[in-house]
C-alpha atoms as a PDB file:
ATOM      1  CA  UNK A   1     -25.710  16.742   3.554  1.00  0.00           C
ATOM      2  CA  UNK A   2     -22.214  15.454   3.704  1.00  0.00           C
ATOM      3  CA  UNK A   3     -21.161  11.868   3.375  1.00  0.00           C
ATOM      4  CA  UNK A   4     -20.421  11.663   7.124  1.00  0.00           C
ATOM      5  CA  UNK A   5     -23.870  13.015   8.020  1.00  0.00           C
ATOM      6  CA  UNK A   6     -25.599  10.582   5.654  1.00  0.00           C
ATOM      7  CA  UNK A   7     -23.637   7.685   7.087  1.00  0.00           C
ATOM      8  CA  UNK A   8     -24.470   8.716  10.665  1.00  0.00           C
ATOM      9  CA  UNK A   9     -28.163   9.060   9.789  1.00  0.00           C
ATOM     10  CA  UNK A  10     -28.265   5.611   8.130  1.00  0.00           C
ATOM     11  CA  UNK A  11     -26.468   4.060  11.082  1.00  0.00           C
ATOM     12  CA  UNK A  12     -28.909   5.662  13.519  1.00  0.00           C
ATOM     13  CA  UNK A  13     -31.940   4.464  11.497  1.00  0.00           C
ATOM     14  CA  UNK A  14     -30.562   0.953  11.222  1.00  0.00           C
ATOM     15  CA  UNK A  15     -29.844   0.792  14.933  1.00  0.00           C
ATOM     16  CA  UNK A  16     -33.355   1.991  15.782  1.00  0.00           C
ATOM     17  CA  UNK A  17     -34.873  -0.541  13.415  1.00  0.00           C
ATOM     18  CA  UNK A  18     -32.930  -3.616  14.580  1.00  0.00           C
ATOM     19  CA  UNK A  19     -32.460  -2.968  18.279  1.00  0.00           C
ATOM     20  CA  UNK A  20     -35.391  -2.153  20.551  1.00  0.00           C
ATOM     21  CA  UNK A  21     -34.819   0.721  22.862  1.00  0.00           C
ATOM     22  CA  UNK A  22     -33.549  -0.239  26.309  1.00  0.00           C
ATOM     23  CA  UNK A  23     -36.935   0.236  27.996  1.00  0.00           C
ATOM     24  CA  UNK A  24     -38.651  -2.166  25.605  1.00  0.00           C
ATOM     25  CA  UNK A  25     -35.885  -4.738  26.026  1.00  0.00           C
ATOM     26  CA  UNK A  26     -36.102  -4.587  29.824  1.00  0.00           C
ATOM     27  CA  UNK A  27     -39.894  -4.868  29.641  1.00  0.00           C
ATOM     28  CA  UNK A  28     -39.672  -7.889  27.290  1.00  0.00           C
ATOM     29  CA  UNK A  29     -37.174  -9.631  29.590  1.00  0.00           C
ATOM     30  CA  UNK A  30     -39.427  -9.008  32.603  1.00  0.00           C
ATOM     31  CA  UNK A  31     -42.438 -10.397  30.736  1.00  0.00           C
ATOM     32  CA  UNK A  32     -40.448 -13.486  29.705  1.00  0.00           C
ATOM     33  CA  UNK A  33     -39.369 -14.146  33.294  1.00  0.00           C
ATOM     34  CA  UNK A  34     -42.962 -13.676  34.441  1.00  0.00           C
ATOM     35  CA  UNK A  35     -44.145 -16.224  31.863  1.00  0.00           C
ATOM     36  CA  UNK A  36     -41.452 -18.697  32.997  1.00  0.00           C
ATOM     37  CA  UNK A  37     -42.522 -18.238  36.627  1.00  0.00           C
ATOM     38  CA  UNK A  38     -46.151 -18.921  35.700  1.00  0.00           C
ATOM     39  CA  UNK A  39     -45.121 -22.063  33.831  1.00  0.00           C
ATOM     40  CA  UNK A  40     -43.168 -23.327  36.868  1.00  0.00           C
ATOM     41  CA  UNK A  41     -46.143 -22.621  39.138  1.00  0.00           C
ATOM     42  CA  UNK A  42     -48.536 -24.378  36.753  1.00  0.00           C
ATOM     43  CA  UNK A  43     -46.233 -27.423  36.542  1.00  0.00           C
ATOM     44  CA  UNK A  44     -46.072 -27.602  40.337  1.00  0.00           C
ATOM     45  CA  UNK A  45     -49.844 -27.389  40.564  1.00  0.00           C
ATOM     46  CA  UNK A  46     -50.274 -30.131  37.946  1.00  0.00           C
ATOM     47  CA  UNK A  47     -47.861 -32.370  39.862  1.00  0.00           C
ATOM     48  CA  UNK A  48     -49.795 -31.757  43.079  1.00  0.00           C
ATOM     49  CA  UNK A  49     -53.130 -32.493  41.385  1.00  0.00           C
ATOM     50  CA  UNK A  50     -51.739 -35.668  39.848  1.00  0.00           C
ATOM     51  CA  UNK A  51     -50.632 -36.863  43.273  1.00  0.00           C
ATOM     52  CA  UNK A  52     -54.029 -36.004  44.779  1.00  0.00           C
ATOM     53  CA  UNK A  53     -55.779 -37.909  41.993  1.00  0.00           C
ATOM     54  CA  UNK A  54     -53.815 -41.033  42.890  1.00  0.00           C
ATOM     55  CA  UNK A  55     -54.548 -40.615  46.604  1.00  0.00           C
ATOM     56  CA  UNK A  56     -58.269 -40.208  45.938  1.00  0.00           C
ATOM     57  CA  UNK A  57     -58.263 -43.322  43.766  1.00  0.00           C
ATOM     58  CA  UNK A  58     -56.807 -45.282  46.696  1.00  0.00           C
ATOM     59  CA  UNK A  59     -53.303 -45.660  45.294  1.00  0.00           C
ATOM     60  CA  UNK A  60     -50.200 -44.978  47.330  1.00  0.00           C
ATOM     61  CA  UNK A  61     -48.890 -41.480  46.787  1.00  0.00           C
ATOM     62  CA  UNK A  62     -45.470 -40.464  45.588  1.00  0.00           C
ATOM     63  CA  UNK A  63     -44.726 -39.396  49.164  1.00  0.00           C
ATOM     64  CA  UNK A  64     -45.464 -42.964  50.270  1.00  0.00           C
ATOM     65  CA  UNK A  65     -43.088 -44.253  47.600  1.00  0.00           C
ATOM     66  CA  UNK A  66     -40.315 -41.952  48.833  1.00  0.00           C
ATOM     67  CA  UNK A  67     -40.808 -43.156  52.406  1.00  0.00           C
ATOM     68  CA  UNK A  68     -40.825 -46.757  51.187  1.00  0.00           C
ATOM     69  CA  UNK A  69     -37.611 -46.325  49.171  1.00  0.00           C
ATOM     70  CA  UNK A  70     -35.874 -44.685  52.122  1.00  0.00           C
ATOM     71  CA  UNK A  71     -37.033 -47.479  54.435  1.00  0.00           C
ATOM     72  CA  UNK A  72     -36.104 -50.317  52.088  1.00  0.00           C
ATOM     73  CA  UNK A  73     -32.671 -48.887  51.325  1.00  0.00           C
ATOM     74  CA  UNK A  74     -32.074 -47.770  54.910  1.00  0.00           C
ATOM     75  CA  UNK A  75     -31.358 -44.141  54.039  1.00  0.00           C
ATOM     76  CA  UNK A  76     -32.884 -40.830  55.092  1.00  0.00           C
ATOM     77  CA  UNK A  77     -34.895 -38.462  52.904  1.00  0.00           C
ATOM     78  CA  UNK A  78     -32.001 -35.976  53.055  1.00  0.00           C
ATOM     79  CA  UNK A  79     -29.526 -38.626  51.912  1.00  0.00           C
ATOM     80  CA  UNK A  80     -31.824 -39.536  49.026  1.00  0.00           C
ATOM     81  CA  UNK A  81     -31.698 -35.979  47.686  1.00  0.00           C
ATOM     82  CA  UNK A  82     -28.095 -35.263  48.708  1.00  0.00           C
ATOM     83  CA  UNK A  83     -25.078 -34.887  46.439  1.00  0.00           C
ATOM     84  CA  UNK A  84     -23.611 -38.179  47.694  1.00  0.00           C
ATOM     85  CA  UNK A  85     -22.908 -40.653  44.906  1.00  0.00           C
ATOM     86  CA  UNK A  86     -22.239 -43.883  46.753  1.00  0.00           C
ATOM     87  CA  UNK A  87     -23.740 -47.020  45.273  1.00  0.00           C
ATOM     88  CA  UNK A  88     -26.571 -47.378  47.814  1.00  0.00           C
ATOM     89  CA  UNK A  89     -27.783 -43.809  47.292  1.00  0.00           C
ATOM     90  CA  UNK A  90     -27.581 -43.984  43.506  1.00  0.00           C
ATOM     91  CA  UNK A  91     -29.424 -47.335  43.447  1.00  0.00           C
ATOM     92  CA  UNK A  92     -32.151 -45.880  45.655  1.00  0.00           C
ATOM     93  CA  UNK A  93     -32.515 -42.829  43.380  1.00  0.00           C
ATOM     94  CA  UNK A  94     -32.600 -44.976  40.234  1.00  0.00           C
ATOM     95  CA  UNK A  95     -35.169 -47.289  41.734  1.00  0.00           C
ATOM     96  CA  UNK A  96     -37.306 -44.364  42.901  1.00  0.00           C
ATOM     97  CA  UNK A  97     -37.234 -42.769  39.442  1.00  0.00           C
ATOM     98  CA  UNK A  98     -38.013 -46.024  37.667  1.00  0.00           C
ATOM     99  CA  UNK A  99     -40.991 -46.910  39.897  1.00  0.00           C
ATOM    100  CA  UNK A 100     -42.265 -43.316  40.091  1.00  0.00           C
ATOM    101  CA  UNK A 101     -42.236 -42.942  36.300  1.00  0.00           C
ATOM    102  CA  UNK A 102     -43.612 -46.417  35.583  1.00  0.00           C
ATOM    103  CA  UNK A 103     -46.272 -46.805  38.266  1.00  0.00           C
ATOM    104  CA  UNK A 104     -47.049 -43.286  39.447  1.00  0.00           C
ATOM    105  CA  UNK A 105     -46.706 -41.293  36.230  1.00  0.00           C
ATOM    106  CA  UNK A 106     -44.416 -38.802  37.951  1.00  0.00           C
ATOM    107  CA  UNK A 107     -43.019 -36.084  35.722  1.00  0.00           C
ATOM    108  CA  UNK A 108     -39.326 -35.455  35.155  1.00  0.00           C
ATOM    109  CA  UNK A 109     -39.791 -32.009  36.652  1.00  0.00           C
ATOM    110  CA  UNK A 110     -41.429 -33.400  39.773  1.00  0.00           C
ATOM    111  CA  UNK A 111     -38.719 -36.022  40.363  1.00  0.00           C
ATOM    112  CA  UNK A 112     -36.015 -33.483  39.626  1.00  0.00           C
ATOM    113  CA  UNK A 113     -37.362 -31.227  42.359  1.00  0.00           C
ATOM    114  CA  UNK A 114     -37.612 -34.108  44.829  1.00  0.00           C
ATOM    115  CA  UNK A 115     -34.068 -35.342  44.198  1.00  0.00           C
ATOM    116  CA  UNK A 116     -32.429 -31.964  43.484  1.00  0.00           C
ATOM    117  CA  UNK A 117     -31.390 -33.192  40.056  1.00  0.00           C
ATOM    118  CA  UNK A 118     -31.705 -32.018  36.473  1.00  0.00           C
ATOM    119  CA  UNK A 119     -34.396 -33.686  34.330  1.00  0.00           C
ATOM    120  CA  UNK A 120     -31.701 -35.315  32.177  1.00  0.00           C
ATOM    121  CA  UNK A 121     -30.351 -37.097  35.261  1.00  0.00           C
ATOM    122  CA  UNK A 122     -33.860 -38.359  36.006  1.00  0.00           C
ATOM    123  CA  UNK A 123     -34.100 -39.693  32.444  1.00  0.00           C
ATOM    124  CA  UNK A 124     -30.768 -41.476  32.889  1.00  0.00           C
ATOM    125  CA  UNK A 125     -31.835 -42.993  36.231  1.00  0.00           C
ATOM    126  CA  UNK A 126     -35.158 -44.211  34.805  1.00  0.00           C
ATOM    127  CA  UNK A 127     -33.642 -45.705  31.682  1.00  0.00           C
ATOM    128  CA  UNK A 128     -30.719 -47.405  33.393  1.00  0.00           C
ATOM    129  CA  UNK A 129     -33.009 -48.988  35.987  1.00  0.00           C
ATOM    130  CA  UNK A 130     -35.466 -49.982  33.270  1.00  0.00           C
ATOM    131  CA  UNK A 131     -32.828 -51.724  31.144  1.00  0.00           C
ATOM    132  CA  UNK A 132     -32.328 -54.399  33.765  1.00  0.00           C
ATOM    133  CA  UNK A 133     -35.177 -54.310  36.291  1.00  0.00           C
ATOM    134  CA  UNK A 134     -34.129 -57.739  37.587  1.00  0.00           C
ATOM    135  CA  UNK A 135     -31.303 -56.106  39.514  1.00  0.00           C
ATOM    136  CA  UNK A 136     -33.954 -54.487  41.713  1.00  0.00           C
ATOM    137  CA  UNK A 137     -35.988 -57.668  42.196  1.00  0.00           C
ATOM    138  CA  UNK A 138     -35.549 -57.963  45.985  1.00  0.00           C
ATOM    139  CA  UNK A 139     -35.960 -54.237  46.558  1.00  0.00           C
ATOM    140  CA  UNK A 140     -39.079 -54.130  44.378  1.00  0.00           C
ATOM    141  CA  UNK A 141     -40.640 -56.957  46.379  1.00  0.00           C
ATOM    142  CA  UNK A 142     -39.863 -55.081  49.601  1.00  0.00           C
ATOM    143  CA  UNK A 143     -41.309 -51.841  48.167  1.00  0.00           C
ATOM    144  CA  UNK A 144     -44.491 -53.611  47.070  1.00  0.00           C
ATOM    145  CA  UNK A 145     -44.843 -55.145  50.521  1.00  0.00           C
ATOM    146  CA  UNK A 146     -44.322 -51.737  52.131  1.00  0.00           C
ATOM    147  CA  UNK A 147     -46.707 -49.878  49.828  1.00  0.00           C
ATOM    148  CA  UNK A 148     -49.456 -52.462  49.552  1.00  0.00           C
ATOM    149  CA  UNK A 149     -49.623 -54.073  52.957  1.00  0.00           C
ATOM    150  CA  UNK A 150     -46.905 -55.840  54.854  1.00  0.00           C
ATOM    151  CA  UNK A 151     -43.960 -54.247  56.649  1.00  0.00           C
ATOM    152  CA  UNK A 152     -40.737 -54.087  54.697  1.00  0.00           C
ATOM    153  CA  UNK A 153     -37.416 -55.208  56.065  1.00  0.00           C
ATOM    154  CA  UNK A 154     -34.777 -52.485  55.630  1.00  0.00           C
ATOM    155  CA  UNK A 155     -32.181 -53.627  53.119  1.00  0.00           C
ATOM    156  CA  UNK A 156     -28.590 -52.519  53.481  1.00  0.00           C
ATOM    157  CA  UNK A 157     -26.057 -52.484  50.653  1.00  0.00           C
END
């Protein structure tokens, strides 16, 4: 064999060894996407079961908390999950994340889906509200009244 033939043969062997053939690569990508889909479905099911567990135990559900936050802050459910970044909406989102994580054990994934936000944004909201929970003192009292008995007065601002 000539030098060129040897080089071509080595190159072909190396390529076959280090790169799966296209069919295998496509199959591996499809399997990976299928696994990711199953993980998302399992996470959604766990979130739903967690919420049901709280409802069965007699605790307010996360849905009740969302309604309470919207009522207390005087905003709609759509505004809560919208792209708007005005102070009232951001405060409502932060407060929701803080209470949902602290009292309801809501996951980052679950809150991210509810608010149409990335999990890192949910972490930021929870931490910033948790650093100074006194700033939400009046709203927290109104939420507690709404969730655990009395009617809450809508707060504006």
